[in-house]
């Protein structure tokens, strides 16, 4: 990046977009004065464009195409509304907002706001986003952001992904909406995500001690001496160490007091107490 020149692009305000649209109406490279439109119509297009000139021009072009088919010489608020689904689909299915909207969608679910999540979901559906892509992102979110706070969330998201693949759209929007609401309202925990990343970081840093003798899978009888089979014990829990020798107190999993992980906190506490650890 040291040899690159970086430019930050900011959103245009509505007045800027209205000026661009007005010019496009009369410019010979645009609509060449074929249509009339007052500023209230252009302002409505500007609001829909959300600061993006390309999107504003796409919406204007789509409205003009529809008006030309109907042999109408004036663009009105009604023609804007009638052309809106087509205009949004032409832009959002392949446009830059693809990543922004899916990001807003996931952040809304993670932030436990079902109404915001449904808004962004509707934007993606209306824009022609692949519903399988949306469903896959919900599966990832269920694993990463809900995890063991609600163990059923991942199964529901996975089932939704399969259903959407089988039935397609438009019916697929119903399970997508249901699962979006469920995941948004579910308790949140990234403890499992943090735990595996913590363990991976140590392994990548070179922490790879030998497997303790009593845990090895060996054909040599002496190597298996000392292993306790938990099901043979009255408590069902062995007091043996399962981590590498000398690291019995290492902790990767730090459950959060949310949803089902409250139960896991209690269970983990009992196991640690049985083993004489804090």
Protein backbone atom coordinates (compact mmCIF):
# COMPACT_ATOMS: atom_id res chain seq x y z
CA UNK A 1 0.00 0.00 0.00
CA UNK A 2 3.01 2.34 0.36
CA UNK A 3 2.98 3.13 -3.39
CA UNK A 4 -0.78 3.40 -3.70
CA UNK A 5 -2.85 6.55 -3.47
CA UNK A 6 -5.99 5.99 -1.43
CA UNK A 7 -9.16 8.01 -1.96
CA UNK A 8 -12.06 8.00 0.47
CA UNK A 9 -15.43 8.19 -1.31
CA UNK A 10 -18.26 9.72 0.71
CA UNK A 11 -21.99 9.57 0.11
CA UNK A 12 -23.54 12.44 -1.82
CA UNK A 13 -26.36 14.39 -0.20
CA UNK A 14 -29.81 14.59 -1.77
CA UNK A 15 -29.22 18.02 -3.29
CA UNK A 16 -26.13 16.74 -5.10
CA UNK A 17 -28.09 13.80 -6.46
CA UNK A 18 -30.98 16.01 -7.61
CA UNK A 19 -28.49 18.15 -9.54
CA UNK A 20 -27.02 15.03 -11.19
CA UNK A 21 -30.48 13.72 -12.07
CA UNK A 22 -31.56 17.07 -13.47
CA UNK A 23 -28.51 17.11 -15.71
CA UNK A 24 -29.16 13.52 -16.82
CA UNK A 25 -32.67 14.50 -17.91
CA UNK A 26 -31.43 17.08 -20.42
CA UNK A 27 -27.94 15.93 -21.39
CA UNK A 28 -27.69 14.35 -24.84
CA UNK A 29 -25.67 11.54 -23.25
CA UNK A 30 -28.58 10.95 -20.90
CA UNK A 31 -32.30 11.26 -21.62
CA UNK A 32 -31.82 14.25 -23.95
CA UNK A 33 -34.92 16.15 -22.72
CA UNK A 34 -37.20 13.24 -23.68
CA UNK A 35 -38.98 13.40 -20.33
CA UNK A 36 -40.05 16.02 -17.83
CA UNK A 37 -39.82 15.61 -14.06
CA UNK A 38 -40.20 18.14 -11.28
CA UNK A 39 -37.81 18.40 -8.36
CA UNK A 40 -40.12 16.51 -5.98
CA UNK A 41 -39.81 13.44 -8.20
CA UNK A 42 -36.05 13.82 -8.46
CA UNK A 43 -35.85 14.29 -4.68
CA UNK A 44 -37.73 11.01 -4.19
CA UNK A 45 -35.26 9.21 -6.45
CA UNK A 46 -32.40 10.83 -4.52
CA UNK A 47 -33.74 9.55 -1.20
CA UNK A 48 -34.07 6.05 -2.61
CA UNK A 49 -30.50 6.17 -3.91
CA UNK A 50 -29.03 6.57 -0.43
CA UNK A 51 -26.18 8.87 -1.45
CA UNK A 52 -25.12 6.80 -4.46
CA UNK A 53 -25.13 8.61 -7.83
CA UNK A 54 -24.91 5.39 -9.81
CA UNK A 55 -27.94 4.02 -8.06
CA UNK A 56 -29.86 7.26 -8.64
CA UNK A 57 -29.10 7.13 -12.36
CA UNK A 58 -30.07 3.46 -12.52
CA UNK A 59 -33.45 4.21 -10.93
CA UNK A 60 -33.99 7.17 -13.29
CA UNK A 61 -33.11 5.06 -16.31
CA UNK A 62 -35.48 2.27 -15.27
CA UNK A 63 -38.34 4.74 -14.75
CA UNK A 64 -37.65 6.26 -18.16
CA UNK A 65 -37.66 2.87 -19.87
CA UNK A 66 -41.05 2.05 -18.35
CA UNK A 67 -42.43 5.49 -19.24
CA UNK A 68 -41.23 5.11 -22.83
CA UNK A 69 -43.07 1.79 -23.12
CA UNK A 70 -46.25 3.49 -21.94
CA UNK A 71 -45.61 6.55 -24.14
CA UNK A 72 -45.63 8.86 -21.14
CA UNK A 73 -43.65 12.09 -21.36
CA UNK A 74 -43.59 13.02 -17.68
CA UNK A 75 -42.01 11.12 -14.82
CA UNK A 76 -44.18 11.21 -11.70
CA UNK A 77 -44.06 9.89 -8.14
CA UNK A 78 -46.40 7.11 -9.26
CA UNK A 79 -44.04 6.06 -12.04
CA UNK A 80 -41.16 6.04 -9.56
CA UNK A 81 -43.09 3.72 -7.24
CA UNK A 82 -44.17 1.44 -10.09
CA UNK A 83 -40.61 1.07 -11.40
CA UNK A 84 -38.92 0.73 -8.02
CA UNK A 85 -38.74 -3.11 -7.73
CA UNK A 86 -37.10 -3.40 -11.14
CA UNK A 87 -34.71 -0.55 -10.45
CA UNK A 88 -33.61 -1.97 -7.11
CA UNK A 89 -33.16 -5.45 -8.55
CA UNK A 90 -30.99 -4.15 -11.37
CA UNK A 91 -28.71 -2.46 -8.89
CA UNK A 92 -28.59 -4.47 -5.71
CA UNK A 93 -28.19 -7.95 -7.16
CA UNK A 94 -24.72 -7.09 -8.43
CA UNK A 95 -24.00 -3.65 -6.99
CA UNK A 96 -21.58 -2.46 -4.33
CA UNK A 97 -24.33 -2.48 -1.68
CA UNK A 98 -24.35 -6.28 -1.83
CA UNK A 99 -21.71 -6.40 0.90
CA UNK A 100 -23.00 -3.43 2.87
CA UNK A 101 -26.52 -4.81 3.14
CA UNK A 102 -25.51 -8.34 4.13
CA UNK A 103 -23.20 -6.75 6.71
CA UNK A 104 -26.07 -4.64 8.08
CA UNK A 105 -28.29 -7.73 8.13
CA UNK A 106 -25.83 -9.87 10.10
CA UNK A 107 -25.00 -7.04 12.51
CA UNK A 108 -28.71 -6.49 13.16
CA UNK A 109 -29.28 -10.16 13.99
CA UNK A 110 -26.17 -10.20 16.17
CA UNK A 111 -27.42 -7.02 17.82
CA UNK A 112 -30.76 -8.68 18.68
CA UNK A 113 -32.92 -6.31 16.60
CA UNK A 114 -35.41 -8.43 14.62
CA UNK A 115 -37.10 -5.45 12.96
CA UNK A 116 -33.85 -4.05 11.60
CA UNK A 117 -32.83 -7.53 10.47
CA UNK A 118 -36.13 -7.96 8.62
CA UNK A 119 -35.65 -4.61 6.88
CA UNK A 120 -32.25 -5.62 5.52
CA UNK A 121 -33.57 -9.08 4.65
CA UNK A 122 -36.38 -7.49 2.63
CA UNK A 123 -33.86 -5.27 0.85
CA UNK A 124 -31.85 -8.32 -0.16
CA UNK A 125 -34.91 -10.28 -1.29
CA UNK A 126 -36.25 -7.37 -3.34
CA UNK A 127 -32.80 -6.79 -4.79
CA UNK A 128 -32.58 -10.34 -6.10
CA UNK A 129 -29.96 -11.66 -3.68
CA UNK A 130 -29.40 -15.42 -3.81
CA UNK A 131 -31.46 -16.78 -0.86
CA UNK A 132 -28.95 -19.61 -0.41
CA UNK A 133 -26.26 -17.02 0.30
CA UNK A 134 -28.45 -15.42 2.97
CA UNK A 135 -29.18 -18.82 4.53
CA UNK A 136 -25.49 -19.75 4.63
CA UNK A 137 -24.70 -16.53 6.44
CA UNK A 138 -27.38 -17.33 9.03
CA UNK A 139 -25.76 -20.74 9.64
CA UNK A 140 -22.41 -19.07 10.25
CA UNK A 141 -24.00 -16.52 12.58
CA UNK A 142 -25.80 -19.21 14.57
CA UNK A 143 -22.51 -20.99 15.21
CA UNK A 144 -20.38 -17.93 15.84
CA UNK A 145 -22.66 -15.48 17.64
CA UNK A 146 -25.24 -17.68 19.39
CA UNK A 147 -23.36 -20.91 19.89
CA UNK A 148 -24.13 -22.77 23.09
CA UNK A 149 -26.34 -20.01 24.46
CA UNK A 150 -29.03 -21.69 22.32
CA UNK A 151 -27.79 -25.01 20.89
CA UNK A 152 -30.94 -25.39 18.77
CA UNK A 153 -30.13 -22.24 16.78
CA UNK A 154 -27.53 -23.91 14.58
CA UNK A 155 -29.86 -26.81 13.76
CA UNK A 156 -32.64 -24.39 12.85
CA UNK A 157 -30.35 -22.33 10.62
CA UNK A 158 -29.04 -25.45 8.91
CA UNK A 159 -32.59 -26.73 8.34
CA UNK A 160 -33.51 -23.36 6.88
CA UNK A 161 -30.58 -23.52 4.48
CA UNK A 162 -31.76 -26.94 3.26
CA UNK A 163 -35.39 -25.83 2.94
CA UNK A 164 -34.47 -22.71 0.98
CA UNK A 165 -32.35 -24.79 -1.39
CA UNK A 166 -35.26 -27.19 -1.93
CA UNK A 167 -38.19 -24.80 -2.38
CA UNK A 168 -36.50 -21.67 -3.72
CA UNK A 169 -38.23 -18.32 -3.91
CA UNK A 170 -40.63 -16.72 -3.28
CA UNK A 171 -41.71 -19.25 -0.63
CA UNK A 172 -38.16 -19.44 0.70
CA UNK A 173 -38.53 -15.97 2.17
CA UNK A 174 -40.85 -17.37 4.86
CA UNK A 175 -38.33 -19.71 6.55
CA UNK A 176 -35.67 -17.04 6.05
CA UNK A 177 -37.83 -14.53 7.91
CA UNK A 178 -38.75 -16.99 10.68
CA UNK A 179 -35.15 -17.97 11.28
CA UNK A 180 -33.97 -14.37 11.14
CA UNK A 181 -36.43 -13.44 13.89
CA UNK A 182 -35.53 -16.48 15.99
CA UNK A 183 -31.80 -15.86 15.76
CA UNK A 184 -32.19 -12.16 16.47
CA UNK A 185 -34.13 -12.90 19.66
CA UNK A 186 -31.91 -15.79 20.77
CA UNK A 187 -29.40 -15.27 23.60
CA UNK A 188 -25.93 -14.56 22.27
CA UNK A 189 -22.55 -16.08 23.07
CA UNK A 190 -19.31 -16.30 21.13
CA UNK A 191 -17.64 -18.40 23.82
CA UNK A 192 -17.21 -21.46 21.57
CA UNK A 193 -15.80 -19.27 18.79
CA UNK A 194 -13.34 -17.68 21.21
CA UNK A 195 -12.42 -21.06 22.72
CA UNK A 196 -11.38 -22.74 19.47
CA UNK A 197 -9.50 -19.62 18.35
CA UNK A 198 -7.64 -19.57 21.65
CA UNK A 199 -6.67 -23.23 21.31
CA UNK A 200 -5.66 -22.75 17.67
CA UNK A 201 -3.50 -19.76 18.54
CA UNK A 202 -1.50 -21.85 21.01
CA UNK A 203 -1.08 -24.74 18.58
CA UNK A 204 0.03 -22.38 15.81
CA UNK A 205 2.52 -20.85 18.23
CA UNK A 206 4.10 -24.28 18.70
CA UNK A 207 2.27 -25.71 21.71
CA UNK A 208 2.18 -29.39 20.67
CA UNK A 209 3.30 -31.50 23.65
CA UNK A 210 3.04 -35.31 23.47
CA UNK A 211 -0.21 -37.14 24.16
CA UNK A 212 -0.17 -38.54 27.72
CA UNK A 213 0.39 -42.29 27.79
CA UNK A 214 -3.03 -43.14 29.24
CA UNK A 215 -4.79 -41.32 26.37
CA UNK A 216 -2.93 -42.87 23.46
CA UNK A 217 -4.45 -45.23 20.92
CA UNK A 218 -1.85 -47.95 21.06
CA UNK A 219 -1.52 -51.63 20.29
CA UNK A 220 1.01 -51.90 23.08
CA UNK A 221 -0.83 -52.96 26.21
CA UNK A 222 1.55 -51.19 28.59
CA UNK A 223 0.90 -47.84 26.86
CA UNK A 224 -2.78 -48.03 27.79
CA UNK A 225 -2.25 -48.81 31.46
CA UNK A 226 -3.90 -46.29 33.75
CA UNK A 227 -6.76 -45.16 31.55
CA UNK A 228 -10.06 -44.96 33.43
CA UNK A 229 -13.25 -45.66 31.50
CA UNK A 230 -15.73 -43.05 32.83
CA UNK A 231 -18.78 -45.30 32.35
CA UNK A 232 -17.30 -47.78 34.83
CA UNK A 233 -17.22 -45.12 37.56
CA UNK A 234 -20.15 -44.37 39.87
CA UNK A 235 -19.95 -40.64 39.15
CA UNK A 236 -19.43 -41.13 35.43
CA UNK A 237 -16.52 -38.69 35.69
CA UNK A 238 -12.86 -39.61 35.87
CA UNK A 239 -10.44 -37.55 37.94
CA UNK A 240 -7.74 -38.09 35.34
CA UNK A 241 -6.11 -35.27 33.39
CA UNK A 242 -6.91 -35.07 29.69
CA UNK A 243 -4.78 -32.10 28.75
CA UNK A 244 -1.06 -32.56 28.11
CA UNK A 245 1.01 -33.30 31.20
CA UNK A 246 1.45 -30.29 33.45
CA UNK A 247 -1.33 -28.25 31.88
CA UNK A 248 -4.40 -29.57 33.67
CA UNK A 249 -5.52 -26.06 34.68
CA UNK A 250 -5.51 -24.63 31.16
CA UNK A 251 -8.85 -23.06 30.18
CA UNK A 252 -9.96 -22.33 26.63
CA UNK A 253 -13.71 -22.41 27.09
CA UNK A 254 -15.05 -19.45 29.07
CA UNK A 255 -18.86 -19.74 28.98
CA UNK A 256 -20.98 -16.61 29.15
CA UNK A 257 -23.97 -16.17 31.46
CA UNK A 258 -26.51 -16.26 28.63
CA UNK A 259 -29.24 -18.74 27.77
CA UNK A 260 -28.27 -22.41 27.97
CA UNK A 261 -24.68 -21.50 28.82
CA UNK A 262 -25.92 -20.66 32.30
CA UNK A 263 -26.57 -24.40 32.66
CA UNK A 264 -23.15 -25.18 31.20
CA UNK A 265 -21.49 -22.80 33.66
CA UNK A 266 -23.09 -24.73 36.50
CA UNK A 267 -22.11 -28.09 34.98
CA UNK A 268 -18.54 -26.99 34.34
CA UNK A 269 -18.25 -25.66 37.88
CA UNK A 270 -19.33 -29.02 39.32
CA UNK A 271 -16.82 -30.90 37.15
CA UNK A 272 -13.98 -28.60 38.15
CA UNK A 273 -14.93 -28.98 41.80
CA UNK A 274 -14.97 -32.78 41.47
CA UNK A 275 -11.46 -32.60 40.05
CA UNK A 276 -10.30 -30.24 42.75
CA UNK A 277 -9.85 -27.26 40.43
CA UNK A 278 -11.28 -23.78 40.37
